[in-house]
């Protein structure tokens, strides 16, 4: 009798475990291999964080979805092609960086305005207003957003030492996009556009005098060798989105979609925490300790003055972006007490 009760109990436990494990297993789908359009060179920390996301998706779907990230230059597309590439399913996933795409999606200019937000609290206000609008327009372009994040504030690195913004007049500064040219003009400097792959040589030869770029990128690409001076301006923070082709998305079961959303949100949070704060701070500190970089900080009062000077440029950019952007910008100005 005891043996029967024991065996019966074991059977109940086994059935319960089977039920729980079955509920946790993802709905079976046909094994898929996806391409992910990456924007960063191979071996960089940006890609390593994204690799964690695709590995989690692979593991949690029991290998049903294998995503291969293609670093910059490995596919016949660039960051400016991302809307078309992901929207049309030329790759199933990809990174969509705001400054590369603002020409096609003007709403993307809003969260990247240099000096619009001067503190993390102000940046959060801007993002809470604008990010849902970006997601909605990406959805209209056949792209589902699985994560939104940011890249560290851009600092000014120069070939020669500068003591402050007043020393920038007449210098040639490399810019990447957005309203950076207007910011450089506000300093009395000249904005210059140079491809990333040509930047080291351009700095080395004096084709430009300085560049706006995060410190982590300077360390990882050894640009400190040609720009050993940093003016810590806490400038433009570029925003980025991680998206999946909507047709690909709609073909997935709901529980698999949830797995991807969870992995994307985790990756975006880590991306922001590490890239925007931790690694950026550590990179600049390492370069200082090694004698590779000398740093001068721009006081917040000067940044506030530049923000006031930039407001007309913000307004002009918003008008080009249309009524939705204008309404969002008015809400931002109100919440930041800038009206």
Protein backbone atom coordinates (compact mmCIF):
# COMPACT_ATOMS: atom_id res chain seq x y z
CA UNK A 1 0.00 0.00 0.00
CA UNK A 2 2.81 2.40 0.95
CA UNK A 3 4.64 1.50 -2.26
CA UNK A 4 1.48 2.24 -4.26
CA UNK A 5 1.03 5.63 -2.55
CA UNK A 6 4.68 6.47 -3.16
CA UNK A 7 4.42 5.60 -6.86
CA UNK A 8 1.17 7.53 -7.18
CA UNK A 9 2.80 10.58 -5.60
CA UNK A 10 5.75 10.33 -7.95
CA UNK A 11 3.37 10.14 -10.90
CA UNK A 12 1.58 13.32 -9.77
CA UNK A 13 4.90 15.15 -9.36
CA UNK A 14 6.06 13.98 -12.80
CA UNK A 15 2.84 15.14 -14.40
CA UNK A 16 3.08 18.51 -12.68
CA UNK A 17 6.68 18.98 -13.76
CA UNK A 18 5.79 18.03 -17.31
CA UNK A 19 2.95 20.54 -17.28
CA UNK A 20 5.16 23.35 -15.96
CA UNK A 21 8.03 22.58 -18.33
CA UNK A 22 5.63 22.33 -21.24
CA UNK A 23 4.13 25.71 -20.39
CA UNK A 24 7.59 27.29 -20.31
CA UNK A 25 8.69 25.87 -23.65
CA UNK A 26 8.17 28.27 -26.59
CA UNK A 27 5.58 27.47 -29.21
CA UNK A 28 7.36 25.48 -31.92
CA UNK A 29 8.09 27.43 -35.10
CA UNK A 30 9.98 26.51 -38.22
CA UNK A 31 13.70 27.03 -37.57
CA UNK A 32 14.70 30.46 -38.83
CA UNK A 33 17.97 32.27 -39.50
CA UNK A 34 17.81 36.04 -39.48
CA UNK A 35 20.22 38.78 -40.50
CA UNK A 36 20.75 41.79 -38.20
CA UNK A 37 22.05 45.01 -39.79
CA UNK A 38 24.74 46.28 -37.42
CA UNK A 39 26.12 49.81 -37.47
CA UNK A 40 29.36 49.35 -35.54
CA UNK A 41 32.69 47.75 -36.44
CA UNK A 42 33.41 44.17 -35.41
CA UNK A 43 34.94 43.74 -31.96
CA UNK A 44 33.34 46.82 -30.38
CA UNK A 45 31.41 46.76 -27.12
CA UNK A 46 28.28 47.97 -28.93
CA UNK A 47 28.08 44.71 -30.86
CA UNK A 48 28.98 42.58 -27.85
CA UNK A 49 25.90 43.86 -25.98
CA UNK A 50 23.72 43.17 -29.02
CA UNK A 51 25.23 39.68 -29.24
CA UNK A 52 23.94 39.00 -25.72
CA UNK A 53 20.43 39.77 -26.94
CA UNK A 54 20.55 37.43 -29.95
CA UNK A 55 22.10 34.69 -27.82
CA UNK A 56 19.27 34.99 -25.29
CA UNK A 57 16.69 34.80 -28.08
CA UNK A 58 18.40 31.69 -29.50
CA UNK A 59 18.54 29.96 -26.11
CA UNK A 60 15.02 30.85 -25.01
CA UNK A 61 13.50 29.72 -28.32
CA UNK A 62 15.37 26.41 -28.09
CA UNK A 63 17.44 27.32 -31.14
CA UNK A 64 14.40 28.02 -33.31
CA UNK A 65 15.56 31.59 -34.09
CA UNK A 66 19.20 32.15 -34.90
CA UNK A 67 20.17 35.79 -35.51
CA UNK A 68 23.50 36.73 -37.05
CA UNK A 69 24.70 40.29 -36.50
CA UNK A 70 26.59 41.72 -39.45
CA UNK A 71 29.00 44.51 -38.35
CA UNK A 72 29.39 47.72 -40.32
CA UNK A 73 30.65 47.05 -43.83
CA UNK A 74 29.78 43.35 -44.00
CA UNK A 75 26.48 43.90 -45.82
CA UNK A 76 25.95 46.15 -48.86
CA UNK A 77 23.96 48.60 -46.70
CA UNK A 78 24.79 51.47 -44.35
CA UNK A 79 23.02 53.11 -41.42
CA UNK A 80 21.20 55.47 -43.80
CA UNK A 81 19.61 52.47 -45.53
CA UNK A 82 18.19 50.94 -42.35
CA UNK A 83 14.55 52.01 -42.80
CA UNK A 84 14.37 50.41 -46.22
CA UNK A 85 16.49 47.39 -45.33
CA UNK A 86 14.48 46.36 -42.26
CA UNK A 87 11.12 47.67 -43.46
CA UNK A 88 11.33 45.68 -46.71
CA UNK A 89 12.75 42.59 -44.99
CA UNK A 90 16.14 42.67 -46.71
CA UNK A 91 17.33 41.88 -43.20
CA UNK A 92 14.92 40.69 -40.54
CA UNK A 93 16.37 42.94 -37.82
CA UNK A 94 18.65 45.94 -37.49
CA UNK A 95 19.75 49.00 -35.59
CA UNK A 96 18.08 52.24 -36.65
CA UNK A 97 20.08 55.22 -35.43
CA UNK A 98 18.24 58.55 -35.37
CA UNK A 99 20.88 60.87 -36.93
CA UNK A 100 21.30 58.57 -39.93
CA UNK A 101 17.58 58.51 -40.64
CA UNK A 102 16.32 61.96 -39.73
CA UNK A 103 16.15 62.94 -43.41
CA UNK A 104 13.51 60.25 -43.99
CA UNK A 105 11.96 60.39 -40.51
CA UNK A 106 12.16 64.03 -39.33
CA UNK A 107 10.56 63.19 -35.95
CA UNK A 108 13.86 61.49 -35.06
CA UNK A 109 15.58 64.86 -34.75
CA UNK A 110 13.75 65.74 -31.53
CA UNK A 111 15.45 63.57 -28.89
CA UNK A 112 18.89 64.33 -30.39
CA UNK A 113 18.76 68.12 -30.11
CA UNK A 114 22.12 69.16 -28.60
CA UNK A 115 21.71 70.85 -25.22
CA UNK A 116 17.90 70.60 -25.24
CA UNK A 117 18.25 68.34 -22.18
CA UNK A 118 21.07 69.27 -19.82
CA UNK A 119 20.49 66.65 -17.12
CA UNK A 120 19.43 62.98 -17.02
CA UNK A 121 16.09 64.09 -15.57
CA UNK A 122 15.48 66.47 -18.49
CA UNK A 123 16.52 63.80 -20.98
CA UNK A 124 13.98 61.40 -19.47
CA UNK A 125 11.25 63.99 -20.01
CA UNK A 126 12.23 64.40 -23.67
CA UNK A 127 12.39 60.65 -24.27
CA UNK A 128 9.03 59.95 -22.63
CA UNK A 129 7.41 62.41 -25.03
CA UNK A 130 9.27 61.55 -28.24
CA UNK A 131 10.13 57.84 -28.12
CA UNK A 132 6.48 56.67 -28.47
CA UNK A 133 6.15 58.89 -31.56
CA UNK A 134 9.26 57.32 -33.08
CA UNK A 135 7.92 53.82 -32.36
CA UNK A 136 4.58 54.69 -33.95
CA UNK A 137 6.16 55.96 -37.17
CA UNK A 138 8.51 52.98 -37.37
CA UNK A 139 5.43 50.78 -37.09
CA UNK A 140 3.91 52.61 -40.06
CA UNK A 141 7.09 51.81 -41.97
CA UNK A 142 6.66 48.07 -41.30
CA UNK A 143 9.12 47.93 -38.41
CA UNK A 144 8.34 46.77 -34.86
CA UNK A 145 10.55 48.36 -32.21
CA UNK A 146 11.94 45.85 -29.70
CA UNK A 147 14.24 48.29 -27.89
CA UNK A 148 15.15 51.97 -27.72
CA UNK A 149 18.34 53.33 -26.22
CA UNK A 150 20.96 56.06 -26.51
CA UNK A 151 24.64 56.53 -27.22
CA UNK A 152 26.83 58.52 -24.82
CA UNK A 153 26.98 62.31 -24.92
CA UNK A 154 29.41 63.57 -27.52
CA UNK A 155 32.46 65.44 -26.26
CA UNK A 156 34.80 67.65 -28.25
CA UNK A 157 38.25 66.21 -28.91
CA UNK A 158 40.89 68.47 -30.45
CA UNK A 159 44.40 68.34 -31.86
CA UNK A 160 45.47 71.37 -29.80
CA UNK A 161 44.42 72.41 -26.27
CA UNK A 162 41.40 74.69 -25.83
CA UNK A 163 40.39 76.30 -22.55
CA UNK A 164 36.70 76.69 -23.31
CA UNK A 165 34.02 77.34 -25.90
CA UNK A 166 35.47 80.79 -26.55
CA UNK A 167 38.56 79.17 -28.08
CA UNK A 168 36.64 77.34 -30.79
CA UNK A 169 36.06 80.31 -33.06
CA UNK A 170 37.53 79.67 -36.49
CA UNK A 171 38.26 75.97 -35.89
CA UNK A 172 37.07 73.21 -38.23
CA UNK A 173 35.04 70.63 -36.30
CA UNK A 174 33.95 67.27 -37.65
CA UNK A 175 30.20 66.64 -37.17
CA UNK A 176 28.08 63.53 -37.68
CA UNK A 177 24.58 64.84 -38.35
CA UNK A 178 21.41 66.17 -36.79
CA UNK A 179 21.79 69.72 -35.51
CA UNK A 180 25.47 69.37 -34.72
CA UNK A 181 26.39 71.76 -37.55
CA UNK A 182 24.21 74.44 -35.96
CA UNK A 183 25.81 73.81 -32.57
CA UNK A 184 29.29 74.18 -34.05
CA UNK A 185 28.24 77.41 -35.78
CA UNK A 186 26.95 78.73 -32.44
CA UNK A 187 30.52 78.39 -31.16
CA UNK A 188 31.87 80.35 -34.13
CA UNK A 189 33.50 77.23 -35.60
CA UNK A 190 33.04 75.60 -39.03
CA UNK A 191 31.28 72.21 -39.27
CA UNK A 192 32.93 69.64 -41.55
CA UNK A 193 31.59 66.23 -42.62
CA UNK A 194 34.14 63.40 -42.83
CA UNK A 195 33.48 59.67 -43.12
CA UNK A 196 34.25 57.63 -40.00
CA UNK A 197 36.87 55.54 -41.77
CA UNK A 198 38.75 58.68 -42.84
CA UNK A 199 38.60 60.46 -39.49
CA UNK A 200 41.93 59.33 -38.01
CA UNK A 201 43.88 60.48 -41.07
CA UNK A 202 41.93 63.75 -41.27
CA UNK A 203 42.77 64.57 -37.66
CA UNK A 204 46.36 63.48 -38.10
CA UNK A 205 46.85 65.74 -41.14
CA UNK A 206 45.02 68.71 -39.68
CA UNK A 207 42.22 68.64 -42.24
CA UNK A 208 39.99 69.26 -39.22
CA UNK A 209 40.91 70.66 -35.81
CA UNK A 210 38.50 68.69 -33.69
CA UNK A 211 35.64 66.21 -33.65
CA UNK A 212 32.44 65.57 -31.74
CA UNK A 213 32.41 61.97 -30.56
CA UNK A 214 31.89 59.89 -27.37
CA UNK A 215 35.00 59.13 -25.30
CA UNK A 216 34.50 55.37 -25.56
CA UNK A 217 34.73 55.54 -29.34
CA UNK A 218 37.93 57.60 -29.06
CA UNK A 219 39.53 54.98 -26.81
CA UNK A 220 38.43 51.96 -28.83
CA UNK A 221 39.68 53.41 -32.12
CA UNK A 222 42.85 54.99 -30.63
CA UNK A 223 41.85 58.44 -31.83
CA UNK A 224 43.47 59.80 -28.69
CA UNK A 225 46.74 59.46 -30.60
CA UNK A 226 45.73 62.37 -32.84
CA UNK A 227 43.30 64.24 -30.53
CA UNK A 228 44.83 64.24 -27.02
CA UNK A 229 42.66 67.10 -25.70
CA UNK A 230 39.05 66.83 -24.55
CA UNK A 231 36.66 69.70 -24.00
CA UNK A 232 33.93 68.02 -21.95
CA UNK A 233 30.90 69.74 -23.40
CA UNK A 234 28.29 67.02 -22.57
CA UNK A 235 26.86 67.54 -26.05
CA UNK A 236 24.43 65.71 -28.26
CA UNK A 237 23.17 62.29 -27.19
CA UNK A 238 22.25 60.21 -30.20
CA UNK A 239 19.31 57.85 -29.84
CA UNK A 240 18.97 54.48 -31.49
CA UNK A 241 16.25 51.91 -32.05
CA UNK A 242 16.37 48.15 -32.51
CA UNK A 243 13.72 46.91 -34.88
CA UNK A 244 12.35 43.82 -36.58
CA UNK A 245 10.52 43.58 -39.88
CA UNK A 246 6.79 43.59 -39.11
CA UNK A 247 5.95 40.76 -41.51
CA UNK A 248 8.58 38.60 -39.83
CA UNK A 249 7.19 39.67 -36.46
CA UNK A 250 3.56 38.93 -37.28
CA UNK A 251 4.46 35.38 -38.32
CA UNK A 252 5.71 34.61 -34.81
CA UNK A 253 3.59 33.14 -31.98
CA UNK A 254 2.78 35.55 -29.17
CA UNK A 255 5.01 33.82 -26.64
CA UNK A 256 8.00 34.01 -29.00
CA UNK A 257 7.26 37.70 -29.56
CA UNK A 258 7.34 38.16 -25.77
CA UNK A 259 10.74 36.46 -25.57
CA UNK A 260 12.12 38.86 -28.19
CA UNK A 261 10.59 41.90 -26.49
CA UNK A 262 12.05 40.89 -23.13
CA UNK A 263 15.49 40.28 -24.62
CA UNK A 264 15.32 43.57 -26.52
CA UNK A 265 14.29 45.57 -23.46
CA UNK A 266 17.07 44.00 -21.39
CA UNK A 267 19.63 44.76 -24.08
CA UNK A 268 18.45 48.36 -24.49
CA UNK A 269 18.66 48.95 -20.72
CA UNK A 270 22.17 47.49 -20.54
CA UNK A 271 23.18 49.43 -23.65
CA UNK A 272 22.14 52.68 -21.98
CA UNK A 273 23.64 51.86 -18.59
CA UNK A 274 26.97 50.72 -19.95
CA UNK A 275 27.45 52.85 -23.07
CA UNK A 276 25.97 56.11 -21.81
CA UNK A 277 27.26 56.03 -18.23
CA UNK A 278 29.66 53.34 -17.05
CA UNK A 279 31.91 52.58 -20.01
CA UNK A 280 31.98 56.20 -21.14
CA UNK A 281 33.14 57.43 -17.73
CA UNK A 282 35.66 54.61 -17.41
CA UNK A 283 37.08 55.18 -20.91
CA UNK A 284 37.76 58.86 -20.29
CA UNK A 285 39.28 58.11 -16.89
CA UNK A 286 41.58 55.45 -18.36
CA UNK A 287 42.83 57.81 -21.05
CA UNK A 288 43.52 60.46 -18.41
CA UNK A 289 45.40 58.00 -16.18
CA UNK A 290 47.51 56.78 -19.10
CA UNK A 291 48.46 60.31 -20.06
CA UNK A 292 46.59 60.00 -23.35
CA UNK A 293 44.08 62.75 -22.67
CA UNK A 294 43.84 66.16 -21.01
CA UNK A 295 40.31 67.24 -20.07
CA UNK A 296 38.69 70.63 -19.57
CA UNK A 297 35.04 70.82 -18.50
CA UNK A 298 32.51 73.34 -19.80
CA UNK A 299 30.41 74.77 -16.91
CA UNK A 300 26.68 74.12 -17.00
CA UNK A 301 26.05 77.88 -17.15
CA UNK A 302 27.79 78.03 -20.53
CA UNK A 303 25.77 75.09 -21.77
CA UNK A 304 22.56 76.81 -20.66
CA UNK A 305 23.57 79.91 -22.62
CA UNK A 306 24.21 77.83 -25.74
CA UNK A 307 20.81 76.15 -25.31
CA UNK A 308 19.13 79.55 -25.40
CA UNK A 309 21.13 80.39 -28.49
CA UNK A 310 20.10 77.13 -30.15
CA UNK A 311 16.34 77.45 -29.56
CA UNK A 312 15.64 79.14 -32.94
CA UNK A 313 17.47 76.30 -34.72
CA UNK A 314 15.38 73.80 -32.75
CA UNK A 315 12.19 75.59 -33.79
CA UNK A 316 13.21 75.63 -37.46
CA UNK A 317 14.01 71.90 -37.43
CA UNK A 318 10.70 71.10 -35.72
CA UNK A 319 8.71 73.08 -38.29
CA UNK A 320 10.28 70.97 -41.05
CA UNK A 321 9.37 67.82 -39.14
CA UNK A 322 5.65 68.65 -39.21
CA UNK A 323 2.73 69.19 -36.82
CA UNK A 324 3.28 66.07 -34.68
CA UNK A 325 6.85 67.15 -33.96
CA UNK A 326 5.76 70.73 -33.30
CA UNK A 327 3.17 69.61 -30.77
CA UNK A 328 5.70 67.34 -29.05
CA UNK A 329 8.29 70.12 -28.96
CA UNK A 330 5.83 72.52 -27.34
CA UNK A 331 5.13 69.92 -24.66
CA UNK A 332 8.87 69.50 -24.09
CA UNK A 333 9.44 73.25 -23.77
CA UNK A 334 6.61 73.50 -21.26
CA UNK A 335 7.87 70.62 -19.09
CA UNK A 336 11.44 71.94 -19.20
CA UNK A 337 10.26 75.48 -18.27
CA UNK A 338 11.76 76.92 -21.46
CA UNK A 339 8.69 78.77 -22.69
